[in-house]
């Protein structure tokens, strides 16, 4: 039992679900997760840039509503970054626990 993955424990080492090479489904899920995290990173970077430009533009004007909107955008971008960062490490942990180290 020690040193066996969860798939090996549940299905046995000779069963296809007991190995790390599950074939099509795992590669599709892995590709989707990689693409989703890259896309999320690009979107977060975009929101950081937009919020930074909004803060700079709002600081030069007498309109406090624009500066407040930029602060809200920055706060949302930081929260989004924390969510994506945490979800990435949760997926890595789950991959490690089930014996699929190369999930992402």
Foldseek 3Di string as FASTA:
>chain_A
DPPAFPQCVVPNCVDCSRDLPVDDPLVVQLVVLVVVLVVLVVVLVVLCVVLVVQCVVCVVDPDVVSNVVSVVSNVVSVVSVVVSVVVVVVVCVVCVRRVNNSSD
